Amino acid sequence: METTTAVRITPLSLVTWIAAPLAATCVFWTCFGACVMPPPPADEPPQARLVAAWDPLACGEPHRVVVELEDDAGVPLSVSAPCVLGSLTLDAPHLGIYHGRIYAWILGEAIRSIAPVVLSIDAPIVQWVVPTPR
């Protein structure tokens, strides 16, 4: 003889039966959505590029050429390159007037050949020919 037990459905068990699959579905789609979401947009690209060039044959002993600029808001821009390369490139976030300096530098020594500069960056690409910093 078989005995059967009656299943009692209580309001709490009914809520559990409905809420558990809903919660699992929400968790799944939240995780899945994170995998297929496009990446956040990157910072805006620079509006201008400054290309500084000099004569690499006039460099003399090995050193680096450094360009340090600052816009009117005080945002600094800096880049350096070995003198024998003959040029360097600096990305400017916006067009405008930049103040700064260009100089020669060797690690562990004082900077030399400091020349103050004022540049008007008013085009997407600005080419700037400078005397070779020594």
N, C-alpha and C. Protein backbone atom coordinates (compact mmCIF):
# COMPACT_ATOMS: atom_id res chain seq x y z
N MET A 1 0.82 -1.14 0.00
CA MET A 1 0.00 0.00 0.00
C MET A 1 0.89 1.25 0.00
N GLU A 2 0.57 2.09 -0.89
CA GLU A 2 1.36 3.31 -1.04
C GLU A 2 0.72 4.43 -0.26
N THR A 3 1.61 5.23 0.28
CA THR A 3 1.10 6.39 0.99
C THR A 3 1.44 7.63 0.17
N THR A 4 0.54 8.46 0.09
CA THR A 4 0.77 9.72 -0.62
C THR A 4 0.73 10.86 0.38
N THR A 5 1.61 11.76 0.15
CA THR A 5 1.62 12.92 1.01
C THR A 5 1.14 14.11 0.19
N ALA A 6 0.36 14.88 0.80
CA ALA A 6 -0.16 16.06 0.12
C ALA A 6 0.85 17.19 0.27
N VAL A 7 1.06 17.88 -0.81
CA VAL A 7 1.96 19.03 -0.80
C VAL A 7 1.13 20.26 -0.49
N ARG A 8 1.57 20.93 0.52
CA ARG A 8 0.86 22.14 0.90
C ARG A 8 1.56 23.34 0.30
N ILE A 9 0.86 24.12 -0.38
CA ILE A 9 1.42 25.33 -0.97
C ILE A 9 1.08 26.48 -0.05
N THR A 10 2.12 27.06 0.48
CA THR A 10 1.95 28.21 1.37
C THR A 10 2.33 29.46 0.60
N PRO A 11 1.90 30.60 1.05
CA PRO A 11 2.28 31.84 0.36
C PRO A 11 3.80 32.02 0.29
N LEU A 12 4.51 31.60 1.33
CA LEU A 12 5.97 31.74 1.32
C LEU A 12 6.61 30.85 0.26
N SER A 13 6.14 29.62 0.12
CA SER A 13 6.72 28.74 -0.90
C SER A 13 6.36 29.22 -2.30
N LEU A 14 5.20 29.79 -2.47
CA LEU A 14 4.80 30.33 -3.77
C LEU A 14 5.71 31.50 -4.17
N VAL A 15 5.99 32.38 -3.22
CA VAL A 15 6.89 33.51 -3.48
C VAL A 15 8.29 33.00 -3.80
N THR A 16 8.74 31.98 -3.07
CA THR A 16 10.07 31.42 -3.32
C THR A 16 10.16 30.81 -4.71
N TRP A 17 9.13 30.08 -5.14
CA TRP A 17 9.13 29.46 -6.46
C TRP A 17 9.15 30.49 -7.59
N ILE A 18 8.53 31.62 -7.33
CA ILE A 18 8.50 32.67 -8.36
C ILE A 18 9.74 33.56 -8.29
N ALA A 19 10.15 33.91 -7.08
CA ALA A 19 11.26 34.86 -6.90
C ALA A 19 12.62 34.25 -7.25
N ALA A 20 12.85 32.99 -6.95
CA ALA A 20 14.16 32.38 -7.20
C ALA A 20 14.51 32.36 -8.70
N PRO A 21 13.61 31.89 -9.57
CA PRO A 21 13.95 31.93 -11.00
C PRO A 21 14.10 33.36 -11.53
N LEU A 22 13.27 34.28 -11.02
CA LEU A 22 13.41 35.68 -11.45
C LEU A 22 14.76 36.26 -11.03
N ALA A 23 15.17 35.99 -9.80
CA ALA A 23 16.46 36.47 -9.33
C ALA A 23 17.60 35.86 -10.14
N ALA A 24 17.52 34.56 -10.42
CA ALA A 24 18.57 33.90 -11.22
C ALA A 24 18.61 34.48 -12.62
N THR A 25 17.46 34.76 -13.21
CA THR A 25 17.41 35.36 -14.54
C THR A 25 18.03 36.74 -14.54
N CYS A 26 17.72 37.54 -13.55
CA CYS A 26 18.30 38.89 -13.45
C CYS A 26 19.81 38.84 -13.31
N VAL A 27 20.31 37.94 -12.47
CA VAL A 27 21.76 37.81 -12.29
C VAL A 27 22.41 37.38 -13.59
N PHE A 28 21.83 36.41 -14.29
CA PHE A 28 22.39 35.94 -15.57
C PHE A 28 22.48 37.07 -16.59
N TRP A 29 21.37 37.78 -16.80
CA TRP A 29 21.37 38.82 -17.82
C TRP A 29 22.25 40.01 -17.43
N THR A 30 22.40 40.27 -16.15
CA THR A 30 23.31 41.33 -15.73
C THR A 30 24.75 40.96 -16.07
N CYS A 31 25.14 39.73 -15.77
CA CYS A 31 26.50 39.28 -16.10
C CYS A 31 26.70 39.20 -17.60
N PHE A 32 25.71 38.69 -18.32
CA PHE A 32 25.80 38.58 -19.77
C PHE A 32 25.89 39.97 -20.41
N GLY A 33 25.10 40.90 -19.90
CA GLY A 33 25.12 42.26 -20.42
C GLY A 33 26.47 42.92 -20.23
N ALA A 34 27.15 42.61 -19.14
CA ALA A 34 28.47 43.18 -18.90
C ALA A 34 29.47 42.66 -19.92
N CYS A 35 29.26 41.45 -20.42
CA CYS A 35 30.19 40.87 -21.40
C CYS A 35 30.01 41.44 -22.79
N VAL A 36 28.80 41.84 -23.12
CA VAL A 36 28.54 42.31 -24.48
C VAL A 36 28.41 43.82 -24.59
N MET A 37 28.55 44.53 -23.50
CA MET A 37 28.47 45.98 -23.54
C MET A 37 29.67 46.53 -24.29
N PRO A 38 29.48 47.56 -25.10
CA PRO A 38 30.63 48.15 -25.77
C PRO A 38 31.51 48.86 -24.75
N PRO A 39 32.80 48.96 -25.02
CA PRO A 39 33.68 49.64 -24.07
C PRO A 39 33.32 51.12 -23.99
N PRO A 40 33.62 51.74 -22.85
CA PRO A 40 33.31 53.17 -22.73
C PRO A 40 34.15 53.96 -23.73
N PRO A 41 33.65 55.09 -24.19
CA PRO A 41 34.41 55.87 -25.17
C PRO A 41 35.73 56.34 -24.57
N ALA A 42 36.75 56.32 -25.39
CA ALA A 42 38.09 56.75 -24.95
C ALA A 42 38.12 58.27 -24.85
N ASP A 43 39.18 58.76 -24.23
CA ASP A 43 39.35 60.21 -24.16
C ASP A 43 39.39 60.77 -25.57
N GLU A 44 39.04 62.03 -25.67
CA GLU A 44 39.03 62.65 -26.98
C GLU A 44 40.44 62.68 -27.56
N PRO A 45 40.56 62.44 -28.86
CA PRO A 45 41.89 62.48 -29.48
C PRO A 45 42.42 63.91 -29.50
N PRO A 46 43.73 64.05 -29.60
CA PRO A 46 44.29 65.41 -29.63
C PRO A 46 43.82 66.16 -30.87
N GLN A 47 43.71 67.47 -30.72
CA GLN A 47 43.28 68.29 -31.85
C GLN A 47 44.43 68.69 -32.74
N ALA A 48 45.64 68.64 -32.20
CA ALA A 48 46.79 69.09 -32.99
C ALA A 48 48.02 68.26 -32.65
N ARG A 49 48.94 68.24 -33.57
CA ARG A 49 50.20 67.53 -33.37
C ARG A 49 51.33 68.49 -33.75
N LEU A 50 52.27 68.65 -32.82
CA LEU A 50 53.44 69.49 -33.04
C LEU A 50 54.61 68.59 -33.38
N VAL A 51 55.27 68.86 -34.50
CA VAL A 51 56.44 68.11 -34.92
C VAL A 51 57.63 69.07 -34.89
N ALA A 52 58.51 68.87 -33.91
CA ALA A 52 59.72 69.70 -33.79
C ALA A 52 60.87 68.95 -34.45
N ALA A 53 61.65 69.66 -35.29
CA ALA A 53 62.75 69.03 -36.02
C ALA A 53 64.00 69.89 -35.91
N TRP A 54 65.16 69.23 -35.92
CA TRP A 54 66.46 69.90 -35.86
C TRP A 54 67.46 69.07 -36.66
N ASP A 55 68.67 69.58 -36.79
CA ASP A 55 69.71 68.89 -37.55
C ASP A 55 70.37 67.83 -36.65
N PRO A 56 70.16 66.54 -36.92
CA PRO A 56 70.74 65.51 -36.06
C PRO A 56 72.25 65.39 -36.21
N LEU A 57 72.81 65.91 -37.29
CA LEU A 57 74.27 65.84 -37.48
C LEU A 57 75.00 66.86 -36.62
N ALA A 58 74.29 67.83 -36.07
CA ALA A 58 74.91 68.85 -35.23
C ALA A 58 74.75 68.55 -33.75
N CYS A 59 74.40 67.34 -33.39
CA CYS A 59 74.10 67.02 -31.99
C CYS A 59 75.33 66.94 -31.09
N GLY A 60 76.45 66.50 -31.60
CA GLY A 60 77.63 66.35 -30.74
C GLY A 60 77.49 65.12 -29.87
N GLU A 61 77.86 65.24 -28.58
CA GLU A 61 77.79 64.09 -27.68
C GLU A 61 76.34 63.65 -27.48
N PRO A 62 76.11 62.37 -27.19
CA PRO A 62 74.73 61.88 -27.05
C PRO A 62 73.99 62.57 -25.90
N HIS A 63 72.80 63.04 -26.20
CA HIS A 63 71.93 63.66 -25.21
C HIS A 63 70.50 63.62 -25.71
N ARG A 64 69.59 64.06 -24.89
CA ARG A 64 68.18 64.11 -25.26
C ARG A 64 67.76 65.56 -25.46
N VAL A 65 66.78 65.76 -26.32
CA VAL A 65 66.17 67.06 -26.52
C VAL A 65 64.79 67.00 -25.87
N VAL A 66 64.50 67.99 -25.03
CA VAL A 66 63.24 68.01 -24.28
C VAL A 66 62.45 69.25 -24.66
N VAL A 67 61.16 69.05 -24.90
CA VAL A 67 60.24 70.17 -25.13
C VAL A 67 59.21 70.13 -24.01
N GLU A 68 59.11 71.21 -23.26
CA GLU A 68 58.11 71.36 -22.20
C GLU A 68 57.23 72.55 -22.55
N LEU A 69 55.94 72.32 -22.65
CA LEU A 69 54.99 73.38 -22.97
C LEU A 69 53.87 73.40 -21.94
N GLU A 70 53.20 74.55 -21.88
CA GLU A 70 52.08 74.72 -20.97
C GLU A 70 51.08 75.64 -21.63
N ASP A 71 49.79 75.29 -21.58
CA ASP A 71 48.78 76.16 -22.17
C ASP A 71 48.36 77.24 -21.16
N ASP A 72 47.42 78.09 -21.57
CA ASP A 72 46.98 79.19 -20.70
C ASP A 72 46.31 78.69 -19.43
N ALA A 73 45.75 77.49 -19.46
CA ALA A 73 45.10 76.93 -18.27
C ALA A 73 46.10 76.26 -17.33
N GLY A 74 47.37 76.19 -17.73
CA GLY A 74 48.40 75.58 -16.89
C GLY A 74 48.56 74.09 -17.07
N VAL A 75 47.98 73.52 -18.11
CA VAL A 75 48.11 72.08 -18.37
C VAL A 75 49.47 71.83 -19.03
N PRO A 76 50.34 71.04 -18.38
CA PRO A 76 51.68 70.83 -18.94
C PRO A 76 51.70 69.72 -19.99
N LEU A 77 52.56 69.90 -20.99
CA LEU A 77 52.85 68.90 -22.01
C LEU A 77 54.35 68.77 -22.08
N SER A 78 54.84 67.55 -22.16
CA SER A 78 56.28 67.35 -22.18
C SER A 78 56.61 66.11 -22.99
N VAL A 79 57.70 66.18 -23.73
CA VAL A 79 58.18 65.03 -24.50
C VAL A 79 59.68 65.21 -24.71
N SER A 80 60.38 64.07 -24.82
CA SER A 80 61.81 64.13 -25.11
C SER A 80 62.17 63.02 -26.09
N ALA A 81 63.29 63.21 -26.75
CA ALA A 81 63.77 62.22 -27.72
C ALA A 81 65.29 62.34 -27.81
N PRO A 82 65.97 61.26 -28.18
CA PRO A 82 67.41 61.37 -28.40
C PRO A 82 67.69 62.38 -29.51
N CYS A 83 68.72 63.16 -29.34
CA CYS A 83 69.05 64.21 -30.30
C CYS A 83 69.31 63.63 -31.69
N VAL A 84 69.92 62.45 -31.76
CA VAL A 84 70.28 61.88 -33.07
C VAL A 84 69.07 61.50 -33.91
N LEU A 85 67.87 61.45 -33.32
CA LEU A 85 66.67 61.18 -34.11
C LEU A 85 66.31 62.36 -35.01
N GLY A 86 66.58 63.56 -34.55
CA GLY A 86 66.34 64.75 -35.37
C GLY A 86 64.93 65.31 -35.30
N SER A 87 64.04 64.66 -34.55
CA SER A 87 62.69 65.22 -34.41
C SER A 87 61.97 64.56 -33.24
N LEU A 88 60.89 65.19 -32.83
CA LEU A 88 59.99 64.62 -31.83
C LEU A 88 58.59 65.11 -32.11
N THR A 89 57.61 64.40 -31.58
CA THR A 89 56.21 64.72 -31.82
C THR A 89 55.50 64.89 -30.48
N LEU A 90 54.68 65.91 -30.41
CA LEU A 90 53.93 66.20 -29.19
C LEU A 90 52.47 66.41 -29.57
N ASP A 91 51.56 65.69 -28.91
CA ASP A 91 50.13 65.84 -29.16
C ASP A 91 49.56 66.91 -28.25
N ALA A 92 48.91 67.89 -28.86
CA ALA A 92 48.29 68.99 -28.10
C ALA A 92 46.78 68.73 -28.00
N PRO A 93 46.21 68.85 -26.80
CA PRO A 93 44.79 68.56 -26.64
C PRO A 93 43.87 69.58 -27.30
N HIS A 94 44.38 70.79 -27.55
CA HIS A 94 43.56 71.81 -28.19
C HIS A 94 44.45 72.82 -28.89
N LEU A 95 43.86 73.60 -29.77
CA LEU A 95 44.59 74.66 -30.45
C LEU A 95 44.74 75.83 -29.49
N GLY A 96 45.76 76.65 -29.73
CA GLY A 96 45.96 77.82 -28.89
C GLY A 96 47.43 78.19 -28.76
N ILE A 97 47.69 79.05 -27.79
CA ILE A 97 49.04 79.53 -27.51
C ILE A 97 49.64 78.69 -26.39
N TYR A 98 50.88 78.25 -26.59
CA TYR A 98 51.60 77.45 -25.60
C TYR A 98 52.93 78.14 -25.28
N HIS A 99 53.25 78.20 -24.00
CA HIS A 99 54.51 78.77 -23.53
C HIS A 99 55.36 77.64 -22.95
N GLY A 100 56.66 77.76 -23.06
CA GLY A 100 57.50 76.71 -22.49
C GLY A 100 58.96 76.90 -22.82
N ARG A 101 59.65 75.77 -22.94
CA ARG A 101 61.08 75.81 -23.22
C ARG A 101 61.50 74.53 -23.93
N ILE A 102 62.64 74.63 -24.61
CA ILE A 102 63.28 73.49 -25.25
C ILE A 102 64.72 73.49 -24.77
N TYR A 103 65.24 72.30 -24.45
CA TYR A 103 66.61 72.24 -23.93
C TYR A 103 67.24 70.88 -24.18
N ALA A 104 68.57 70.83 -23.97
CA ALA A 104 69.33 69.58 -24.07
C ALA A 104 69.49 69.03 -22.66
N TRP A 105 69.50 67.68 -22.55
CA TRP A 105 69.53 67.07 -21.23
C TRP A 105 70.23 65.72 -21.28
N ILE A 106 71.07 65.48 -20.28
CA ILE A 106 71.74 64.20 -20.09
C ILE A 106 71.42 63.76 -18.66
N LEU A 107 71.08 62.49 -18.48
CA LEU A 107 70.73 61.96 -17.17
C LEU A 107 71.85 62.21 -16.17
N GLY A 108 71.53 62.79 -15.04
CA GLY A 108 72.50 63.03 -13.98
C GLY A 108 73.26 64.34 -14.12
N GLU A 109 72.99 65.11 -15.17
CA GLU A 109 73.67 66.39 -15.35
C GLU A 109 72.64 67.51 -15.40
N ALA A 110 73.15 68.73 -15.29
CA ALA A 110 72.26 69.89 -15.37
C ALA A 110 71.78 70.08 -16.80
N ILE A 111 70.58 70.62 -16.95
CA ILE A 111 70.07 70.89 -18.30
C ILE A 111 70.86 72.05 -18.90
N ARG A 112 70.92 72.08 -20.21
CA ARG A 112 71.70 73.12 -20.88
C ARG A 112 70.99 73.54 -22.16
N SER A 113 71.46 74.59 -22.75
CA SER A 113 70.90 75.14 -23.99
C SER A 113 69.41 75.42 -23.86
N ILE A 114 69.03 76.03 -22.75
CA ILE A 114 67.62 76.32 -22.51
C ILE A 114 67.18 77.48 -23.40
N ALA A 115 66.11 77.28 -24.14
CA ALA A 115 65.56 78.34 -24.98
C ALA A 115 64.07 78.46 -24.69
N PRO A 116 63.62 79.63 -24.20
CA PRO A 116 62.19 79.81 -23.97
C PRO A 116 61.45 79.89 -25.32
N VAL A 117 60.24 79.37 -25.35
CA VAL A 117 59.47 79.37 -26.59
C VAL A 117 58.03 79.78 -26.32
N VAL A 118 57.44 80.39 -27.32
CA VAL A 118 56.01 80.69 -27.35
C VAL A 118 55.51 80.20 -28.70
N LEU A 119 54.59 79.24 -28.68
CA LEU A 119 54.10 78.64 -29.93
C LEU A 119 52.61 78.88 -30.08
N SER A 120 52.23 79.18 -31.30
CA SER A 120 50.82 79.26 -31.64
C SER A 120 50.48 78.00 -32.44
N ILE A 121 49.74 77.12 -31.81
CA ILE A 121 49.32 75.89 -32.49
C ILE A 121 47.93 76.16 -33.03
N ASP A 122 47.87 76.38 -34.36
CA ASP A 122 46.63 76.80 -34.99
C ASP A 122 46.21 75.93 -36.17
N ALA A 123 46.81 74.75 -36.27
CA ALA A 123 46.47 73.82 -37.35
C ALA A 123 46.57 72.40 -36.81
N PRO A 124 45.99 71.42 -37.50
CA PRO A 124 46.06 70.05 -37.01
C PRO A 124 47.49 69.50 -36.92
N ILE A 125 48.35 69.93 -37.83
CA ILE A 125 49.76 69.54 -37.78
C ILE A 125 50.61 70.79 -37.93
N VAL A 126 51.46 71.02 -36.94
CA VAL A 126 52.34 72.18 -36.95
C VAL A 126 53.78 71.68 -36.98
N GLN A 127 54.53 72.10 -38.01
CA GLN A 127 55.94 71.72 -38.09
C GLN A 127 56.77 72.90 -37.59
N TRP A 128 57.73 72.57 -36.73
CA TRP A 128 58.53 73.59 -36.05
C TRP A 128 59.99 73.19 -36.20
N VAL A 129 60.76 74.01 -36.93
CA VAL A 129 62.18 73.75 -37.10
C VAL A 129 62.92 74.57 -36.06
N VAL A 130 63.73 73.90 -35.24
CA VAL A 130 64.44 74.56 -34.14
C VAL A 130 65.94 74.41 -34.34
N PRO A 131 66.72 75.35 -33.81
CA PRO A 131 68.18 75.14 -33.81
C PRO A 131 68.51 73.93 -32.93
N THR A 132 69.51 73.19 -33.30
CA THR A 132 69.87 71.97 -32.56
C THR A 132 70.29 72.31 -31.13
N PRO A 133 69.54 71.83 -30.11
CA PRO A 133 69.97 72.05 -28.73
C PRO A 133 71.21 71.20 -28.43
N ARG A 134 72.26 71.82 -27.91
CA ARG A 134 73.50 71.09 -27.66
C ARG A 134 73.78 71.02 -26.18
